[in-house]
């Protein structure tokens, strides 16, 4: 059986932390920023963890854990 290939977009989008959780950046922060409030843009700053409902799919895209 051949090796599984890592999903190209997923490897650019997600990072794995030291404890094995998947880190992601928040959406809606790339363009059309003039109509968004300052507090909304501030809350979109930084990163967060992938929700547990989606972590199985992301791990499969990254070929982690079997």
PDB file of N, CA and C in Angstrom:
ATOM      1  N   UNK A   1       0.842  -1.177   0.000  1.00  0.00           N
ATOM      2  CA  UNK A   1       0.000   0.000   0.000  1.00  0.00           C
ATOM      3  C   UNK A   1       0.891   1.245   0.000  1.00  0.00           C
ATOM      4  N   UNK A   2       0.590   2.240  -0.837  1.00  0.00           N
ATOM      5  CA  UNK A   2       1.460   3.423  -0.912  1.00  0.00           C
ATOM      6  C   UNK A   2       1.302   4.325   0.308  1.00  0.00           C
ATOM      7  N   UNK A   3       2.260   5.218   0.432  1.00  0.00           N
ATOM      8  CA  UNK A   3       2.210   6.179   1.527  1.00  0.00           C
ATOM      9  C   UNK A   3       1.051   7.153   1.315  1.00  0.00           C
ATOM     10  N   UNK A   4       0.493   7.644   2.432  1.00  0.00           N
ATOM     11  CA  UNK A   4      -0.541   8.676   2.340  1.00  0.00           C
ATOM     12  C   UNK A   4       0.115  10.025   2.130  1.00  0.00           C
ATOM     13  N   UNK A   5      -0.475  10.836   1.276  1.00  0.00           N
ATOM     14  CA  UNK A   5       0.060  12.170   1.030  1.00  0.00           C
ATOM     15  C   UNK A   5      -0.643  13.186   1.918  1.00  0.00           C
ATOM     16  N   UNK A   6       0.117  14.144   2.415  1.00  0.00           N
ATOM     17  CA  UNK A   6      -0.428  15.229   3.216  1.00  0.00           C
ATOM     18  C   UNK A   6      -1.161  16.208   2.310  1.00  0.00           C
ATOM     19  N   UNK A   7      -2.295  16.697   2.779  1.00  0.00           N
ATOM     20  CA  UNK A   7      -3.076  17.678   2.038  1.00  0.00           C
ATOM     21  C   UNK A   7      -2.288  18.990   1.987  1.00  0.00           C
ATOM     22  N   UNK A   8      -2.060  19.512   0.776  1.00  0.00           N
ATOM     23  CA  UNK A   8      -1.153  20.651   0.605  1.00  0.00           C
ATOM     24  C   UNK A   8      -1.661  21.914   1.281  1.00  0.00           C
ATOM     25  N   UNK A   9      -2.974  22.185   1.209  1.00  0.00           N
ATOM     26  CA  UNK A   9      -3.507  23.390   1.848  1.00  0.00           C
ATOM     27  C   UNK A   9      -3.489  23.247   3.354  1.00  0.00           C
ATOM     28  N   UNK A  10      -3.735  22.049   3.851  1.00  0.00           N
ATOM     29  CA  UNK A  10      -3.791  21.839   5.292  1.00  0.00           C
ATOM     30  C   UNK A  10      -2.429  22.043   5.938  1.00  0.00           C
ATOM     31  N   UNK A  11      -1.366  21.630   5.270  1.00  0.00           N
ATOM     32  CA  UNK A  11      -0.053  21.790   5.879  1.00  0.00           C
ATOM     33  C   UNK A  11       0.386  23.249   5.928  1.00  0.00           C
ATOM     34  N   UNK A  12      -0.210  24.104   5.066  1.00  0.00           N
ATOM     35  CA  UNK A  12       0.076  25.532   5.113  1.00  0.00           C
ATOM     36  C   UNK A  12      -0.824  26.259   6.106  1.00  0.00           C
ATOM     37  N   UNK A  13      -1.985  25.680   6.431  1.00  0.00           N
ATOM     38  CA  UNK A  13      -2.996  26.352   7.235  1.00  0.00           C
ATOM     39  C   UNK A  13      -2.884  26.024   8.714  1.00  0.00           C
ATOM     40  N   UNK A  14      -2.624  24.766   9.046  1.00  0.00           N
ATOM     41  CA  UNK A  14      -2.650  24.312  10.435  1.00  0.00           C
ATOM     42  C   UNK A  14      -1.244  24.021  10.926  1.00  0.00           C
ATOM     43  N   UNK A  15      -1.025  24.210  12.237  1.00  0.00           N
ATOM     44  CA  UNK A  15       0.235  23.868  12.889  1.00  0.00           C
ATOM     45  C   UNK A  15      -0.079  22.970  14.075  1.00  0.00           C
ATOM     46  N   UNK A  16       0.842  22.079  14.390  1.00  0.00           N
ATOM     47  CA  UNK A  16       0.679  21.170  15.513  1.00  0.00           C
ATOM     48  C   UNK A  16       1.457  21.722  16.703  1.00  0.00           C
ATOM     49  N   UNK A  17       0.794  21.799  17.865  1.00  0.00           N
ATOM     50  CA  UNK A  17       1.461  22.286  19.066  1.00  0.00           C
ATOM     51  C   UNK A  17       2.267  21.152  19.696  1.00  0.00           C
ATOM     52  N   UNK A  18       3.016  21.476  20.737  1.00  0.00           N
ATOM     53  CA  UNK A  18       3.827  20.474  21.414  1.00  0.00           C
ATOM     54  C   UNK A  18       2.999  19.395  22.078  1.00  0.00           C
ATOM     55  N   UNK A  19       1.795  19.746  22.516  1.00  0.00           N
ATOM     56  CA  UNK A  19       0.931  18.759  23.176  1.00  0.00           C
ATOM     57  C   UNK A  19       0.092  17.962  22.182  1.00  0.00           C
ATOM     58  N   UNK A  20       0.205  18.258  20.877  1.00  0.00           N
ATOM     59  CA  UNK A  20      -0.507  17.504  19.862  1.00  0.00           C
ATOM     60  C   UNK A  20      -1.800  18.128  19.395  1.00  0.00           C
ATOM     61  N   UNK A  21      -2.163  19.287  19.943  1.00  0.00           N
ATOM     62  CA  UNK A  21      -3.369  19.962  19.483  1.00  0.00           C
ATOM     63  C   UNK A  21      -3.079  20.670  18.162  1.00  0.00           C
ATOM     64  N   UNK A  22      -4.151  21.017  17.437  1.00  0.00           N
ATOM     65  CA  UNK A  22      -4.007  21.662  16.134  1.00  0.00           C
ATOM     66  C   UNK A  22      -4.364  23.132  16.281  1.00  0.00           C
ATOM     67  N   UNK A  23      -3.450  23.988  15.844  1.00  0.00           N
ATOM     68  CA  UNK A  23      -3.629  25.431  15.947  1.00  0.00           C
ATOM     69  C   UNK A  23      -4.072  25.981  14.598  1.00  0.00           C
ATOM     70  N   UNK A  24      -4.981  26.966  14.619  1.00  0.00           N
ATOM     71  CA  UNK A  24      -5.458  27.609  13.399  1.00  0.00           C
ATOM     72  C   UNK A  24      -5.567  29.100  13.634  1.00  0.00           C
ATOM     73  N   UNK A  25      -5.631  29.855  12.525  1.00  0.00           N
ATOM     74  CA  UNK A  25      -5.866  31.285  12.608  1.00  0.00           C
ATOM     75  C   UNK A  25      -7.323  31.573  12.269  1.00  0.00           C
ATOM     76  N   UNK A  26      -7.824  32.683  12.753  1.00  0.00           N
ATOM     77  CA  UNK A  26      -9.233  33.014  12.597  1.00  0.00           C
ATOM     78  C   UNK A  26      -9.505  33.573  11.203  1.00  0.00           C
ATOM     79  N   UNK A  27     -10.716  33.351  10.725  1.00  0.00           N
ATOM     80  CA  UNK A  27     -11.114  33.787   9.393  1.00  0.00           C
ATOM     81  C   UNK A  27     -11.582  35.246   9.420  1.00  0.00           C
ATOM     82  N   UNK A  28     -11.859  35.795   8.242  1.00  0.00           N
ATOM     83  CA  UNK A  28     -12.426  37.142   8.042  1.00  0.00           C
ATOM     84  C   UNK A  28     -11.475  38.259   8.442  1.00  0.00           C
ATOM     85  N   UNK A  29     -10.184  38.064   8.293  1.00  0.00           N
ATOM     86  CA  UNK A  29      -9.219  39.099   8.661  1.00  0.00           C
ATOM     87  C   UNK A  29      -8.319  39.458   7.486  1.00  0.00           C
ATOM     88  N   UNK A  30      -8.712  39.090   6.246  1.00  0.00           N
ATOM     89  CA  UNK A  30      -7.794  39.291   5.125  1.00  0.00           C
ATOM     90  C   UNK A  30      -8.133  40.513   4.270  1.00  0.00           C
ATOM     91  N   UNK A  31      -9.408  40.802   4.070  1.00  0.00           N
ATOM     92  CA  UNK A  31      -9.767  41.952   3.220  1.00  0.00           C
ATOM     93  C   UNK A  31     -11.121  42.488   3.667  1.00  0.00           C
ATOM     94  N   UNK A  32     -11.530  43.610   3.056  1.00  0.00           N
ATOM     95  CA  UNK A  32     -12.764  44.327   3.427  1.00  0.00           C
ATOM     96  C   UNK A  32     -12.759  44.705   4.906  1.00  0.00           C
ATOM     97  N   UNK A  33     -11.648  45.260   5.356  1.00  0.00           N
ATOM     98  CA  UNK A  33     -11.479  45.545   6.778  1.00  0.00           C
ATOM     99  C   UNK A  33     -12.025  46.908   7.181  1.00  0.00           C
ATOM    100  N   UNK A  34     -12.334  47.770   6.221  1.00  0.00           N
ATOM    101  CA  UNK A  34     -12.767  49.116   6.587  1.00  0.00           C
ATOM    102  C   UNK A  34     -14.159  49.118   7.205  1.00  0.00           C
ATOM    103  N   UNK A  35     -15.005  48.178   6.803  1.00  0.00           N
ATOM    104  CA  UNK A  35     -16.369  48.138   7.351  1.00  0.00           C
ATOM    105  C   UNK A  35     -16.450  47.408   8.683  1.00  0.00           C
ATOM    106  N   UNK A  36     -15.379  46.736   9.083  1.00  0.00           N
ATOM    107  CA  UNK A  36     -15.386  45.991  10.344  1.00  0.00           C
ATOM    108  C   UNK A  36     -14.879  46.880  11.464  1.00  0.00           C
ATOM    109  N   UNK A  37     -15.466  46.720  12.624  1.00  0.00           N
ATOM    110  CA  UNK A  37     -15.109  47.575  13.750  1.00  0.00           C
ATOM    111  C   UNK A  37     -13.728  47.185  14.283  1.00  0.00           C
ATOM    112  N   UNK A  38     -13.137  48.120  15.020  1.00  0.00           N
ATOM    113  CA  UNK A  38     -11.808  47.884  15.568  1.00  0.00           C
ATOM    114  C   UNK A  38     -11.809  46.732  16.554  1.00  0.00           C
ATOM    115  N   UNK A  39     -12.862  46.657  17.372  1.00  0.00           N
ATOM    116  CA  UNK A  39     -12.909  45.570  18.351  1.00  0.00           C
ATOM    117  C   UNK A  39     -13.097  44.223  17.668  1.00  0.00           C
ATOM    118  N   UNK A  40     -13.863  44.197  16.571  1.00  0.00           N
ATOM    119  CA  UNK A  40     -14.052  42.942  15.832  1.00  0.00           C
ATOM    120  C   UNK A  40     -12.731  42.471  15.221  1.00  0.00           C
ATOM    121  N   UNK A  41     -11.965  43.416  14.650  1.00  0.00           N
ATOM    122  CA  UNK A  41     -10.673  43.054  14.071  1.00  0.00           C
ATOM    123  C   UNK A  41      -9.692  42.616  15.144  1.00  0.00           C
ATOM    124  N   UNK A  42      -9.787  43.220  16.326  1.00  0.00           N
ATOM    125  CA  UNK A  42      -8.894  42.855  17.419  1.00  0.00           C
ATOM    126  C   UNK A  42      -9.182  41.433  17.909  1.00  0.00           C
ATOM    127  N   UNK A  43     -10.464  41.055  17.956  1.00  0.00           N
ATOM    128  CA  UNK A  43     -10.812  39.708  18.397  1.00  0.00           C
ATOM    129  C   UNK A  43     -10.425  38.649  17.364  1.00  0.00           C
ATOM    130  N   UNK A  44     -10.293  39.061  16.105  1.00  0.00           N
ATOM    131  CA  UNK A  44      -9.881  38.116  15.069  1.00  0.00           C
ATOM    132  C   UNK A  44      -8.366  37.933  15.015  1.00  0.00           C
ATOM    133  N   UNK A  45      -7.648  38.734  15.765  1.00  0.00           N
ATOM    134  CA  UNK A  45      -6.199  38.655  15.773  1.00  0.00           C
ATOM    135  C   UNK A  45      -5.740  37.409  16.523  1.00  0.00           C
ATOM    136  N   UNK A  46      -4.616  36.894  16.161  1.00  0.00           N
ATOM    137  CA  UNK A  46      -4.051  35.774  16.890  1.00  0.00           C
ATOM    138  C   UNK A  46      -4.607  34.435  16.433  1.00  0.00           C
ATOM    139  N   UNK A  47      -4.291  33.405  17.198  1.00  0.00           N
ATOM    140  CA  UNK A  47      -4.657  32.057  16.806  1.00  0.00           C
ATOM    141  C   UNK A  47      -5.514  31.401  17.874  1.00  0.00           C
ATOM    142  N   UNK A  48      -6.096  30.267  17.515  1.00  0.00           N
ATOM    143  CA  UNK A  48      -6.925  29.495  18.432  1.00  0.00           C
ATOM    144  C   UNK A  48      -6.767  28.025  18.076  1.00  0.00           C
ATOM    145  N   UNK A  49      -7.341  27.157  18.870  1.00  0.00           N
ATOM    146  CA  UNK A  49      -7.248  25.724  18.621  1.00  0.00           C
ATOM    147  C   UNK A  49      -8.433  25.265  17.771  1.00  0.00           C
ATOM    148  N   UNK A  50      -8.217  24.219  16.994  1.00  0.00           N
ATOM    149  CA  UNK A  50      -9.290  23.617  16.201  1.00  0.00           C
ATOM    150  C   UNK A  50     -10.259  22.931  17.155  1.00  0.00           C
ATOM    151  N   UNK A  51     -11.558  23.090  16.894  1.00  0.00           N
ATOM    152  CA  UNK A  51     -12.580  22.495  17.735  1.00  0.00           C
ATOM    153  C   UNK A  51     -12.501  20.971  17.682  1.00  0.00           C
ATOM    154  N   UNK A  52     -12.951  20.333  18.759  1.00  0.00           N
ATOM    155  CA  UNK A  52     -12.861  18.878  18.839  1.00  0.00           C
ATOM    156  C   UNK A  52     -13.719  18.187  17.776  1.00  0.00           C
ATOM    157  N   UNK A  53     -14.794  18.851  17.325  1.00  0.00           N
ATOM    158  CA  UNK A  53     -15.639  18.272  16.287  1.00  0.00           C
ATOM    159  C   UNK A  53     -14.917  18.194  14.944  1.00  0.00           C
ATOM    160  N   UNK A  54     -13.953  19.078  14.709  1.00  0.00           N
ATOM    161  CA  UNK A  54     -13.239  19.122  13.438  1.00  0.00           C
ATOM    162  C   UNK A  54     -11.838  18.543  13.506  1.00  0.00           C
ATOM    163  N   UNK A  55     -11.364  18.207  14.697  1.00  0.00           N
ATOM    164  CA  UNK A  55      -9.974  17.786  14.837  1.00  0.00           C
ATOM    165  C   UNK A  55      -9.692  16.462  14.141  1.00  0.00           C
ATOM    166  N   UNK A  56     -10.671  15.545  14.109  1.00  0.00           N
ATOM    167  CA  UNK A  56     -10.464  14.264  13.450  1.00  0.00           C
ATOM    168  C   UNK A  56     -10.243  14.452  11.950  1.00  0.00           C
ATOM    169  N   UNK A  57     -11.030  15.352  11.326  1.00  0.00           N
ATOM    170  CA  UNK A  57     -10.884  15.616   9.908  1.00  0.00           C
ATOM    171  C   UNK A  57      -9.543  16.279   9.604  1.00  0.00           C
ATOM    172  N   UNK A  58      -9.142  17.236  10.451  1.00  0.00           N
ATOM    173  CA  UNK A  58      -7.877  17.939  10.211  1.00  0.00           C
ATOM    174  C   UNK A  58      -6.706  16.987  10.386  1.00  0.00           C
ATOM    175  N   UNK A  59      -6.773  16.118  11.380  1.00  0.00           N
ATOM    176  CA  UNK A  59      -5.700  15.139  11.575  1.00  0.00           C
ATOM    177  C   UNK A  59      -5.601  14.182  10.385  1.00  0.00           C
ATOM    178  N   UNK A  60      -6.724  13.854   9.781  1.00  0.00           N
ATOM    179  CA  UNK A  60      -6.704  12.992   8.611  1.00  0.00           C
ATOM    180  C   UNK A  60      -6.060  13.707   7.437  1.00  0.00           C
ATOM    181  N   UNK A  61      -6.344  15.014   7.269  1.00  0.00           N
ATOM    182  CA  UNK A  61      -5.718  15.777   6.190  1.00  0.00           C
ATOM    183  C   UNK A  61      -4.218  15.898   6.381  1.00  0.00           C
ATOM    184  N   UNK A  62      -3.778  15.978   7.636  1.00  0.00           N
ATOM    185  CA  UNK A  62      -2.360  16.109   7.935  1.00  0.00           C
ATOM    186  C   UNK A  62      -1.668  14.761   8.097  1.00  0.00           C
ATOM    187  N   UNK A  63      -2.416  13.661   7.949  1.00  0.00           N
ATOM    188  CA  UNK A  63      -1.875  12.311   8.082  1.00  0.00           C
ATOM    189  C   UNK A  63      -1.268  12.078   9.462  1.00  0.00           C
ATOM    190  N   UNK A  64      -2.016  12.441  10.494  1.00  0.00           N
ATOM    191  CA  UNK A  64      -1.573  12.284  11.879  1.00  0.00           C
ATOM    192  C   UNK A  64      -2.448  11.240  12.553  1.00  0.00           C
ATOM    193  N   UNK A  65      -1.826  10.346  13.282  1.00  0.00           N
ATOM    194  CA  UNK A  65      -2.570   9.388  14.082  1.00  0.00           C
ATOM    195  C   UNK A  65      -3.253   8.292  13.299  1.00  0.00           C
ATOM    196  N   UNK A  66      -2.546   7.745  12.339  1.00  0.00           N
ATOM    197  CA  UNK A  66      -3.095   6.615  11.594  1.00  0.00           C
ATOM    198  C   UNK A  66      -3.969   7.058  10.511  1.00  0.00           C
TER     199      UNK A  66
END
